[in-house]
Structures are given as structure tokens and as C-alpha cells.
Amino acid sequence: MSAPALRRTDIAMTQEQIEATLARGFAGRLATVGADGYPYCVPMLYIWADHQLFLHGTSARGHLRANVEHEARACFELDEPGEVFDYGRFECDSGLAYCSVILFGRISVADDVAIRQRFCERLMEKYGKPDSIRPKNFFPRLDAITVYAMHVERMTGKQRLLPELSEQWPAKDRTRTPDARP
């Protein structure tokens, strides 16, 4: 897979940081391309397991399923916003602490009932209520969902940590246009 190099190497995440973000993340956005050439981006819950991304939707054929059947290449984005901070004298001299991960790969329908079962088990481990008294690992509507598996070919991650107060304005002035006057 050819790709431009990560431009902001100064804020690049390590492989371990990327994996930790994927493990704890809540939801992300899956982007696919349709037969008409238009991108389609949809927010989705997900499971990160065995170096693959697993997602699900209805078994009814819709926009996502049509795109996946048309073109296997896909992209998944996950972000975690942090605090806004000031680095200079002007309102526009503001930054945001954050981390973001982008996965590139090929997505397909996981038809195997054992994969769908395991996906649902992991989904409930991640998103379910741990003190629930409902029966565990019983999913009578497995045939009503489609599970997608994304085989990741490349992943990138960036993060900007919240600077210490001693590195924020007014303690330190990093105004990008120091000669500007309001």
C-alpha cells in the first residue's frame, strides 16, 4: 500500500500507544467508497481483536454493505479529544490535547457464525453492563446482523499531550504572530 509519510512525526504515537487507544476507544468512523465513487462515512461501535477491527450492522442490505461488496479498501478513524489550552496572547493561539488513530485496510463480511458469536461476546464485554443478571453469551438474533472484519494493512496515530501550566500562556508566550496588534 503506497501512502504519504506521516507529516507530523513529532506527535506520532508508538505502536503500543495506538493499540492501547484502539483497545479503550468507544466508537469510530468507518469510511468506504461506493460504485458511484463517493465516500461514505458512518460512526460505529467496534471491537479490536487479533490485530483486526470488527464492526457490525444490520443484515439488511444497505449503503454500507453495497460499498463493502463494491470495494474492499476502507479506512477507520478513532479520536479522543482532550482539553483546550492557550499558547499565546490571542484567541486564535489555542490548541487541543488529543489522540487519533487511523486504520487502512480491506474489509469483508465475516459469514462464519463462530466469528459473529465471538464478536457479540466481545461487544457485550466492552459495552455491556458487567452486573447484568441477563443470560450471558446468548444471542438469538445472530442471523439478523452482519459482522465486518477489517484486515489492517497500515495504521497511524498522533497525539498532542496537554502541556504543563508552565508551558501554557501566560507563563510562556508562543504567539505565532508576535507583531500583531488588536
N, C-alpha and C. Protein backbone atom coordinates (compact mmCIF):
# COMPACT_ATOMS: atom_id res chain seq x y z
N MET A 1 0.85 -1.17 0.00
CA MET A 1 0.00 0.00 0.00
C MET A 1 0.90 1.23 0.00
N SER A 2 0.77 2.06 -1.00
CA SER A 2 1.55 3.29 -1.03
C SER A 2 0.80 4.33 -0.23
N ALA A 3 1.56 5.17 0.44
CA ALA A 3 0.92 6.20 1.25
C ALA A 3 1.94 7.28 1.55
N PRO A 4 1.46 8.51 1.72
CA PRO A 4 2.38 9.56 2.12
C PRO A 4 2.89 9.29 3.53
N ALA A 5 4.09 9.74 3.78
CA ALA A 5 4.66 9.59 5.12
C ALA A 5 3.90 10.47 6.10
N LEU A 6 3.85 10.06 7.33
CA LEU A 6 3.20 10.85 8.37
C LEU A 6 3.94 12.18 8.49
N ARG A 7 3.25 13.27 8.25
CA ARG A 7 3.88 14.59 8.24
C ARG A 7 4.32 15.03 9.63
N ARG A 8 3.50 14.83 10.63
CA ARG A 8 3.80 15.30 11.99
C ARG A 8 4.44 14.19 12.81
N THR A 9 5.66 13.83 12.46
CA THR A 9 6.35 12.76 13.18
C THR A 9 6.63 13.15 14.63
N ASP A 10 6.62 14.45 14.93
CA ASP A 10 6.87 14.90 16.30
C ASP A 10 5.74 14.54 17.26
N ILE A 11 4.56 14.25 16.72
CA ILE A 11 3.44 13.87 17.59
C ILE A 11 2.94 12.46 17.27
N ALA A 12 3.75 11.68 16.58
CA ALA A 12 3.36 10.31 16.22
C ALA A 12 3.29 9.43 17.45
N MET A 13 2.32 8.56 17.45
CA MET A 13 2.16 7.59 18.54
C MET A 13 2.97 6.34 18.21
N THR A 14 3.40 5.64 19.25
CA THR A 14 4.07 4.36 19.06
C THR A 14 3.02 3.30 18.76
N GLN A 15 3.47 2.15 18.29
CA GLN A 15 2.57 1.03 18.02
C GLN A 15 1.81 0.65 19.29
N GLU A 16 2.49 0.65 20.42
CA GLU A 16 1.85 0.30 21.70
C GLU A 16 0.77 1.31 22.07
N GLN A 17 1.04 2.60 21.84
CA GLN A 17 0.04 3.63 22.13
C GLN A 17 -1.17 3.51 21.21
N ILE A 18 -0.92 3.20 19.95
CA ILE A 18 -2.02 3.01 19.01
C ILE A 18 -2.90 1.85 19.46
N GLU A 19 -2.29 0.73 19.80
CA GLU A 19 -3.05 -0.46 20.22
C GLU A 19 -3.84 -0.17 21.51
N ALA A 20 -3.23 0.56 22.44
CA ALA A 20 -3.93 0.90 23.69
C ALA A 20 -5.14 1.80 23.41
N THR A 21 -4.99 2.74 22.48
CA THR A 21 -6.10 3.62 22.11
C THR A 21 -7.22 2.82 21.47
N LEU A 22 -6.87 1.89 20.59
CA LEU A 22 -7.88 1.04 19.96
C LEU A 22 -8.59 0.18 20.99
N ALA A 23 -7.86 -0.31 21.98
CA ALA A 23 -8.47 -1.18 23.00
C ALA A 23 -9.46 -0.41 23.87
N ARG A 24 -9.18 0.84 24.18
CA ARG A 24 -10.05 1.58 25.10
C ARG A 24 -11.08 2.46 24.39
N GLY A 25 -10.92 2.68 23.09
CA GLY A 25 -11.80 3.60 22.36
C GLY A 25 -13.26 3.18 22.42
N PHE A 26 -14.13 4.16 22.31
CA PHE A 26 -15.56 3.88 22.40
C PHE A 26 -16.19 3.64 21.03
N ALA A 27 -16.04 4.59 20.12
CA ALA A 27 -16.63 4.48 18.78
C ALA A 27 -15.71 5.18 17.79
N GLY A 28 -15.86 4.82 16.53
CA GLY A 28 -15.06 5.45 15.48
C GLY A 28 -15.90 5.62 14.24
N ARG A 29 -15.26 6.04 13.17
CA ARG A 29 -15.94 6.26 11.91
C ARG A 29 -15.31 5.40 10.83
N LEU A 30 -16.15 4.64 10.14
CA LEU A 30 -15.72 3.78 9.05
C LEU A 30 -16.03 4.47 7.74
N ALA A 31 -15.02 4.55 6.86
CA ALA A 31 -15.20 5.16 5.55
C ALA A 31 -15.02 4.10 4.47
N THR A 32 -15.98 4.06 3.55
CA THR A 32 -15.94 3.15 2.41
C THR A 32 -16.23 3.97 1.15
N VAL A 33 -16.09 3.33 -0.01
CA VAL A 33 -16.36 4.02 -1.28
C VAL A 33 -17.37 3.21 -2.07
N GLY A 34 -18.35 3.91 -2.62
CA GLY A 34 -19.40 3.24 -3.39
C GLY A 34 -19.08 3.14 -4.86
N ALA A 35 -19.93 2.45 -5.58
CA ALA A 35 -19.77 2.27 -7.02
C ALA A 35 -19.80 3.60 -7.76
N ASP A 36 -20.45 4.60 -7.19
CA ASP A 36 -20.51 5.92 -7.82
C ASP A 36 -19.27 6.76 -7.53
N GLY A 37 -18.33 6.19 -6.74
CA GLY A 37 -17.09 6.90 -6.43
C GLY A 37 -17.16 7.80 -5.22
N TYR A 38 -18.33 7.93 -4.63
CA TYR A 38 -18.48 8.80 -3.47
C TYR A 38 -18.09 8.07 -2.19
N PRO A 39 -17.41 8.77 -1.27
CA PRO A 39 -17.11 8.16 0.02
C PRO A 39 -18.36 8.14 0.89
N TYR A 40 -18.37 7.21 1.82
CA TYR A 40 -19.47 7.08 2.77
C TYR A 40 -18.81 6.84 4.13
N CYS A 41 -19.14 7.67 5.09
CA CYS A 41 -18.53 7.57 6.42
C CYS A 41 -19.64 7.42 7.45
N VAL A 42 -19.50 6.43 8.32
CA VAL A 42 -20.56 6.14 9.29
C VAL A 42 -19.93 5.86 10.67
N PRO A 43 -20.51 6.44 11.74
CA PRO A 43 -20.00 6.14 13.08
C PRO A 43 -20.41 4.74 13.50
N MET A 44 -19.48 4.03 14.16
CA MET A 44 -19.77 2.66 14.54
C MET A 44 -19.05 2.28 15.83
N LEU A 45 -19.71 1.42 16.61
CA LEU A 45 -19.04 0.74 17.70
C LEU A 45 -18.14 -0.32 17.09
N TYR A 46 -17.12 -0.73 17.79
CA TYR A 46 -16.18 -1.68 17.20
C TYR A 46 -15.51 -2.53 18.28
N ILE A 47 -14.86 -3.58 17.82
CA ILE A 47 -14.02 -4.42 18.67
C ILE A 47 -12.67 -4.53 17.98
N TRP A 48 -11.60 -4.35 18.74
CA TRP A 48 -10.24 -4.53 18.25
C TRP A 48 -9.74 -5.84 18.84
N ALA A 49 -9.49 -6.83 18.00
CA ALA A 49 -9.05 -8.14 18.48
C ALA A 49 -8.20 -8.83 17.41
N ASP A 50 -7.15 -9.48 17.85
CA ASP A 50 -6.30 -10.26 16.93
C ASP A 50 -5.79 -9.40 15.78
N HIS A 51 -5.45 -8.15 16.07
CA HIS A 51 -4.94 -7.19 15.07
C HIS A 51 -5.90 -6.98 13.91
N GLN A 52 -7.19 -7.12 14.21
CA GLN A 52 -8.24 -6.84 13.23
C GLN A 52 -9.31 -5.98 13.89
N LEU A 53 -10.02 -5.27 13.06
CA LEU A 53 -11.13 -4.45 13.52
C LEU A 53 -12.41 -5.17 13.14
N PHE A 54 -13.31 -5.30 14.10
CA PHE A 54 -14.61 -5.94 13.86
C PHE A 54 -15.71 -4.94 14.15
N LEU A 55 -16.68 -4.87 13.25
CA LEU A 55 -17.81 -3.95 13.36
C LEU A 55 -19.07 -4.71 12.98
N HIS A 56 -20.22 -4.13 13.24
CA HIS A 56 -21.43 -4.83 12.83
C HIS A 56 -22.53 -3.84 12.46
N GLY A 57 -23.48 -4.38 11.72
CA GLY A 57 -24.66 -3.63 11.32
C GLY A 57 -25.77 -4.62 11.04
N THR A 58 -26.84 -4.12 10.51
CA THR A 58 -27.98 -4.98 10.19
C THR A 58 -27.64 -5.93 9.04
N SER A 59 -28.36 -7.02 8.97
CA SER A 59 -28.17 -7.94 7.85
C SER A 59 -28.89 -7.45 6.60
N ALA A 60 -29.77 -6.45 6.76
CA ALA A 60 -30.45 -5.87 5.59
C ALA A 60 -29.41 -5.15 4.73
N ARG A 61 -29.52 -5.35 3.43
CA ARG A 61 -28.55 -4.72 2.53
C ARG A 61 -28.82 -3.22 2.46
N GLY A 62 -27.79 -2.45 2.75
CA GLY A 62 -27.91 -1.00 2.70
C GLY A 62 -26.66 -0.39 2.08
N HIS A 63 -26.45 0.87 2.36
CA HIS A 63 -25.35 1.63 1.80
C HIS A 63 -23.99 1.01 2.15
N LEU A 64 -23.79 0.70 3.42
CA LEU A 64 -22.50 0.14 3.85
C LEU A 64 -22.22 -1.20 3.17
N ARG A 65 -23.17 -2.08 3.22
CA ARG A 65 -22.95 -3.42 2.63
C ARG A 65 -22.68 -3.32 1.12
N ALA A 66 -23.40 -2.45 0.43
CA ALA A 66 -23.17 -2.27 -1.01
C ALA A 66 -21.76 -1.76 -1.26
N ASN A 67 -21.30 -0.83 -0.46
CA ASN A 67 -19.94 -0.31 -0.63
C ASN A 67 -18.89 -1.38 -0.37
N VAL A 68 -19.06 -2.15 0.70
CA VAL A 68 -18.09 -3.20 1.04
C VAL A 68 -18.02 -4.24 -0.08
N GLU A 69 -19.16 -4.57 -0.65
CA GLU A 69 -19.17 -5.54 -1.74
C GLU A 69 -18.55 -4.96 -3.02
N HIS A 70 -18.63 -3.65 -3.17
CA HIS A 70 -18.05 -3.00 -4.35
C HIS A 70 -16.53 -2.84 -4.23
N GLU A 71 -16.06 -2.38 -3.08
CA GLU A 71 -14.65 -2.05 -2.90
C GLU A 71 -14.23 -2.42 -1.49
N ALA A 72 -13.24 -3.29 -1.37
CA ALA A 72 -12.81 -3.79 -0.06
C ALA A 72 -11.97 -2.78 0.71
N ARG A 73 -11.34 -1.84 0.01
CA ARG A 73 -10.50 -0.87 0.72
C ARG A 73 -11.35 0.02 1.60
N ALA A 74 -10.89 0.22 2.84
CA ALA A 74 -11.64 1.02 3.80
C ALA A 74 -10.68 1.73 4.73
N CYS A 75 -11.23 2.67 5.46
CA CYS A 75 -10.46 3.46 6.42
C CYS A 75 -11.32 3.61 7.68
N PHE A 76 -10.68 3.52 8.84
CA PHE A 76 -11.39 3.67 10.11
C PHE A 76 -10.65 4.71 10.93
N GLU A 77 -11.40 5.65 11.52
CA GLU A 77 -10.81 6.72 12.32
C GLU A 77 -11.41 6.71 13.71
N LEU A 78 -10.54 6.92 14.69
CA LEU A 78 -10.93 6.98 16.10
C LEU A 78 -10.21 8.15 16.73
N ASP A 79 -10.89 8.94 17.52
CA ASP A 79 -10.22 10.05 18.20
C ASP A 79 -10.71 10.20 19.62
N GLU A 80 -9.86 10.80 20.43
CA GLU A 80 -10.19 11.11 21.82
C GLU A 80 -9.77 12.56 22.08
N PRO A 81 -10.74 13.46 22.19
CA PRO A 81 -10.38 14.85 22.46
C PRO A 81 -9.98 15.04 23.92
N GLY A 82 -9.09 15.99 24.12
CA GLY A 82 -8.67 16.35 25.48
C GLY A 82 -9.08 17.79 25.76
N GLU A 83 -8.27 18.48 26.53
CA GLU A 83 -8.58 19.85 26.92
C GLU A 83 -8.04 20.85 25.90
N VAL A 84 -8.75 21.98 25.78
CA VAL A 84 -8.26 23.11 25.00
C VAL A 84 -7.31 23.89 25.90
N PHE A 85 -6.22 24.39 25.32
CA PHE A 85 -5.26 25.18 26.09
C PHE A 85 -4.81 26.39 25.29
N ASP A 86 -4.38 27.43 26.01
CA ASP A 86 -3.87 28.65 25.38
C ASP A 86 -2.35 28.55 25.28
N TYR A 87 -1.81 28.96 24.12
CA TYR A 87 -0.36 29.00 24.00
C TYR A 87 0.14 30.40 23.65
N GLY A 88 -0.79 31.35 23.40
CA GLY A 88 -0.38 32.71 23.06
C GLY A 88 -1.41 33.73 23.48
N ARG A 89 -1.11 34.98 23.16
CA ARG A 89 -1.89 36.14 23.63
C ARG A 89 -3.26 36.28 22.96
N PHE A 90 -3.43 35.74 21.79
CA PHE A 90 -4.66 35.95 21.04
C PHE A 90 -5.56 34.71 21.10
N GLU A 91 -6.85 34.96 20.91
CA GLU A 91 -7.82 33.88 20.98
C GLU A 91 -7.48 32.73 20.04
N CYS A 92 -6.96 33.06 18.88
CA CYS A 92 -6.65 32.01 17.90
C CYS A 92 -5.40 31.22 18.29
N ASP A 93 -4.66 31.66 19.28
CA ASP A 93 -3.48 30.93 19.77
C ASP A 93 -3.93 29.91 20.81
N SER A 94 -4.72 28.96 20.36
CA SER A 94 -5.27 27.90 21.20
C SER A 94 -4.93 26.56 20.59
N GLY A 95 -4.78 25.57 21.42
CA GLY A 95 -4.51 24.22 20.95
C GLY A 95 -5.44 23.23 21.63
N LEU A 96 -5.41 22.00 21.19
CA LEU A 96 -6.24 20.95 21.74
C LEU A 96 -5.39 19.73 22.02
N ALA A 97 -5.46 19.24 23.24
CA ALA A 97 -4.84 17.95 23.54
C ALA A 97 -5.74 16.88 22.95
N TYR A 98 -5.16 15.88 22.30
CA TYR A 98 -5.96 14.84 21.66
C TYR A 98 -5.09 13.65 21.31
N CYS A 99 -5.75 12.57 20.92
CA CYS A 99 -5.07 11.49 20.22
C CYS A 99 -6.03 10.99 19.14
N SER A 100 -5.46 10.52 18.04
CA SER A 100 -6.28 9.99 16.96
C SER A 100 -5.53 8.85 16.29
N VAL A 101 -6.29 7.88 15.83
CA VAL A 101 -5.75 6.70 15.17
C VAL A 101 -6.51 6.52 13.86
N ILE A 102 -5.77 6.19 12.81
CA ILE A 102 -6.39 5.90 11.52
C ILE A 102 -5.88 4.55 11.04
N LEU A 103 -6.82 3.69 10.68
CA LEU A 103 -6.50 2.36 10.16
C LEU A 103 -6.86 2.32 8.68
N PHE A 104 -6.00 1.69 7.90
CA PHE A 104 -6.26 1.48 6.48
C PHE A 104 -6.20 -0.02 6.24
N GLY A 105 -7.12 -0.53 5.47
CA GLY A 105 -7.09 -1.96 5.19
C GLY A 105 -8.21 -2.39 4.28
N ARG A 106 -8.49 -3.67 4.33
CA ARG A 106 -9.53 -4.26 3.50
C ARG A 106 -10.59 -4.88 4.41
N ILE A 107 -11.82 -4.60 4.06
CA ILE A 107 -12.93 -5.03 4.89
C ILE A 107 -13.76 -6.07 4.13
N SER A 108 -14.29 -7.01 4.87
CA SER A 108 -15.14 -8.04 4.26
C SER A 108 -16.20 -8.47 5.27
N VAL A 109 -17.19 -9.17 4.74
CA VAL A 109 -18.24 -9.72 5.59
C VAL A 109 -17.71 -11.00 6.22
N ALA A 110 -17.87 -11.10 7.54
CA ALA A 110 -17.46 -12.31 8.27
C ALA A 110 -18.70 -13.21 8.39
N ASP A 111 -18.82 -14.16 7.48
CA ASP A 111 -20.01 -15.02 7.42
C ASP A 111 -20.04 -16.11 8.48
N ASP A 112 -18.90 -16.49 8.98
CA ASP A 112 -18.79 -17.61 9.92
C ASP A 112 -19.58 -17.31 11.20
N VAL A 113 -20.48 -18.19 11.58
CA VAL A 113 -21.32 -17.99 12.76
C VAL A 113 -20.47 -17.93 14.04
N ALA A 114 -19.36 -18.65 14.09
CA ALA A 114 -18.48 -18.61 15.27
C ALA A 114 -17.85 -17.23 15.43
N ILE A 115 -17.50 -16.59 14.32
CA ILE A 115 -16.94 -15.23 14.38
C ILE A 115 -18.00 -14.26 14.86
N ARG A 116 -19.22 -14.38 14.35
CA ARG A 116 -20.31 -13.50 14.79
C ARG A 116 -20.61 -13.71 16.28
N GLN A 117 -20.60 -14.96 16.74
CA GLN A 117 -20.83 -15.26 18.15
C GLN A 117 -19.75 -14.61 19.01
N ARG A 118 -18.50 -14.81 18.62
CA ARG A 118 -17.38 -14.25 19.40
C ARG A 118 -17.41 -12.72 19.37
N PHE A 119 -17.78 -12.15 18.22
CA PHE A 119 -17.91 -10.70 18.14
C PHE A 119 -18.93 -10.20 19.16
N CYS A 120 -20.10 -10.83 19.20
CA CYS A 120 -21.14 -10.39 20.14
C CYS A 120 -20.70 -10.55 21.58
N GLU A 121 -19.98 -11.62 21.88
CA GLU A 121 -19.46 -11.81 23.24
C GLU A 121 -18.51 -10.67 23.60
N ARG A 122 -17.60 -10.35 22.71
CA ARG A 122 -16.64 -9.26 22.96
C ARG A 122 -17.34 -7.90 23.01
N LEU A 123 -18.36 -7.73 22.18
CA LEU A 123 -19.12 -6.48 22.19
C LEU A 123 -19.77 -6.27 23.55
N MET A 124 -20.37 -7.32 24.10
CA MET A 124 -21.01 -7.20 25.41
C MET A 124 -19.97 -7.05 26.53
N GLU A 125 -18.80 -7.67 26.39
CA GLU A 125 -17.73 -7.47 27.37
C GLU A 125 -17.31 -6.00 27.40
N LYS A 126 -17.26 -5.38 26.23
CA LYS A 126 -16.80 -4.00 26.12
C LYS A 126 -17.89 -3.00 26.48
N TYR A 127 -19.12 -3.19 25.98
CA TYR A 127 -20.16 -2.19 26.11
C TYR A 127 -21.29 -2.58 27.08
N GLY A 128 -21.37 -3.84 27.45
CA GLY A 128 -22.47 -4.28 28.29
C GLY A 128 -22.30 -3.90 29.75
N LYS A 129 -23.34 -4.10 30.52
CA LYS A 129 -23.30 -3.83 31.96
C LYS A 129 -22.74 -5.07 32.65
N PRO A 130 -21.63 -4.92 33.36
CA PRO A 130 -20.99 -6.10 33.96
C PRO A 130 -21.82 -6.76 35.05
N ASP A 131 -22.73 -6.03 35.67
CA ASP A 131 -23.53 -6.61 36.75
C ASP A 131 -24.91 -7.07 36.29
N SER A 132 -25.08 -7.19 34.99
CA SER A 132 -26.37 -7.62 34.45
C SER A 132 -26.67 -9.06 34.87
N ILE A 133 -27.96 -9.32 35.13
CA ILE A 133 -28.36 -10.67 35.51
C ILE A 133 -28.96 -11.44 34.33
N ARG A 134 -28.90 -10.83 33.14
CA ARG A 134 -29.42 -11.48 31.93
C ARG A 134 -28.49 -12.62 31.52
N PRO A 135 -29.01 -13.61 30.78
CA PRO A 135 -28.16 -14.72 30.34
C PRO A 135 -26.99 -14.22 29.50
N LYS A 136 -25.81 -14.73 29.77
CA LYS A 136 -24.60 -14.33 29.07
C LYS A 136 -24.40 -15.18 27.81
N ASN A 137 -23.83 -14.56 26.79
CA ASN A 137 -23.40 -15.23 25.57
C ASN A 137 -24.52 -15.95 24.81
N PHE A 138 -25.74 -15.45 24.96
CA PHE A 138 -26.88 -16.00 24.23
C PHE A 138 -27.40 -14.90 23.31
N PHE A 139 -27.25 -15.11 22.01
CA PHE A 139 -27.61 -14.11 21.01
C PHE A 139 -28.53 -14.74 19.97
N PRO A 140 -29.83 -14.73 20.24
CA PRO A 140 -30.77 -15.42 19.36
C PRO A 140 -30.94 -14.76 17.99
N ARG A 141 -30.40 -13.56 17.79
CA ARG A 141 -30.57 -12.87 16.51
C ARG A 141 -29.25 -12.74 15.74
N LEU A 142 -28.38 -13.73 15.86
CA LEU A 142 -27.11 -13.68 15.12
C LEU A 142 -27.32 -13.57 13.62
N ASP A 143 -28.40 -14.14 13.12
CA ASP A 143 -28.66 -14.06 11.68
C ASP A 143 -29.19 -12.69 11.25
N ALA A 144 -29.52 -11.84 12.20
CA ALA A 144 -30.05 -10.51 11.88
C ALA A 144 -28.97 -9.44 11.81
N ILE A 145 -27.70 -9.85 12.02
CA ILE A 145 -26.61 -8.88 11.95
C ILE A 145 -25.58 -9.32 10.91
N THR A 146 -24.85 -8.33 10.44
CA THR A 146 -23.70 -8.59 9.59
C THR A 146 -22.48 -8.13 10.37
N VAL A 147 -21.50 -8.99 10.48
CA VAL A 147 -20.24 -8.63 11.12
C VAL A 147 -19.22 -8.40 10.01
N TYR A 148 -18.52 -7.30 10.12
CA TYR A 148 -17.47 -6.95 9.17
C TYR A 148 -16.11 -7.10 9.85
N ALA A 149 -15.15 -7.65 9.14
CA ALA A 149 -13.79 -7.77 9.64
C ALA A 149 -12.88 -6.95 8.74
N MET A 150 -12.12 -6.05 9.35
CA MET A 150 -11.18 -5.24 8.59
C MET A 150 -9.78 -5.74 8.88
N HIS A 151 -9.11 -6.22 7.83
CA HIS A 151 -7.73 -6.66 7.93
C HIS A 151 -6.86 -5.43 7.72
N VAL A 152 -6.19 -5.02 8.78
CA VAL A 152 -5.44 -3.77 8.77
C VAL A 152 -4.11 -3.94 8.05
N GLU A 153 -3.87 -3.06 7.09
CA GLU A 153 -2.62 -3.05 6.34
C GLU A 153 -1.66 -1.98 6.83
N ARG A 154 -2.24 -0.89 7.36
CA ARG A 154 -1.40 0.21 7.86
C ARG A 154 -2.19 0.96 8.91
N MET A 155 -1.50 1.43 9.94
CA MET A 155 -2.15 2.24 10.96
C MET A 155 -1.23 3.38 11.36
N THR A 156 -1.83 4.51 11.64
CA THR A 156 -1.08 5.66 12.12
C THR A 156 -1.80 6.22 13.33
N GLY A 157 -1.06 6.93 14.15
CA GLY A 157 -1.65 7.57 15.31
C GLY A 157 -0.87 8.82 15.65
N LYS A 158 -1.61 9.83 16.10
CA LYS A 158 -0.99 11.08 16.54
C LYS A 158 -1.60 11.47 17.88
N GLN A 159 -0.77 12.13 18.69
CA GLN A 159 -1.30 12.65 19.95
C GLN A 159 -0.58 13.93 20.32
N ARG A 160 -1.34 14.83 20.90
CA ARG A 160 -0.78 16.04 21.48
C ARG A 160 -1.19 16.02 22.94
N LEU A 161 -0.20 15.96 23.81
CA LEU A 161 -0.46 15.95 25.23
C LEU A 161 -0.74 17.36 25.73
N LEU A 162 -1.49 17.47 26.80
CA LEU A 162 -1.76 18.76 27.41
C LEU A 162 -0.46 19.28 28.02
N PRO A 163 0.01 20.46 27.58
CA PRO A 163 1.26 20.98 28.14
C PRO A 163 1.11 21.32 29.63
N GLU A 164 2.20 21.22 30.34
CA GLU A 164 2.23 21.66 31.73
C GLU A 164 1.84 23.14 31.78
N LEU A 165 1.30 23.60 32.90
CA LEU A 165 0.91 25.00 33.04
C LEU A 165 2.09 25.93 32.77
N SER A 166 3.28 25.51 33.12
CA SER A 166 4.47 26.34 32.89
C SER A 166 4.79 26.49 31.40
N GLU A 167 4.18 25.66 30.55
CA GLU A 167 4.39 25.74 29.10
C GLU A 167 3.21 26.39 28.37
N GLN A 168 2.16 26.77 29.13
CA GLN A 168 0.99 27.41 28.55
C GLN A 168 1.05 28.91 28.79
N TRP A 169 0.27 29.65 27.99
CA TRP A 169 0.14 31.08 28.18
C TRP A 169 -0.68 31.34 29.44
N PRO A 170 -0.38 32.27 30.29
CA PRO A 170 0.59 33.36 30.13
C PRO A 170 2.00 33.04 30.64
N ALA A 171 2.20 31.86 31.23
CA ALA A 171 3.53 31.54 31.75
C ALA A 171 4.57 31.54 30.62
N LYS A 172 4.17 31.06 29.45
CA LYS A 172 5.05 31.07 28.28
C LYS A 172 4.25 31.56 27.09
N ASP A 173 4.77 32.54 26.39
CA ASP A 173 4.08 33.13 25.24
C ASP A 173 4.63 32.52 23.96
N ARG A 174 3.77 31.74 23.26
CA ARG A 174 4.15 31.13 21.98
C ARG A 174 3.27 31.70 20.85
N THR A 175 2.91 32.96 20.97
CA THR A 175 2.08 33.60 19.96
C THR A 175 2.75 33.45 18.60
N ARG A 176 1.98 33.02 17.61
CA ARG A 176 2.55 32.76 16.27
C ARG A 176 2.71 34.03 15.45
N THR A 177 1.99 35.09 15.84
CA THR A 177 2.11 36.38 15.15
C THR A 177 2.45 37.44 16.20
N PRO A 178 3.67 37.43 16.70
CA PRO A 178 4.02 38.30 17.83
C PRO A 178 3.90 39.79 17.56
N ASP A 179 3.97 40.23 16.30
CA ASP A 179 3.89 41.65 15.99
C ASP A 179 2.47 42.13 15.73
N ALA A 180 1.49 41.25 15.78
CA ALA A 180 0.11 41.64 15.52
C ALA A 180 -0.42 42.50 16.64
N ARG A 181 -1.31 43.41 16.27
CA ARG A 181 -1.95 44.32 17.25
C ARG A 181 -3.45 44.24 17.07
N PRO A 182 -4.21 44.08 18.16
CA PRO A 182 -5.68 44.05 18.04
C PRO A 182 -6.25 45.42 17.70
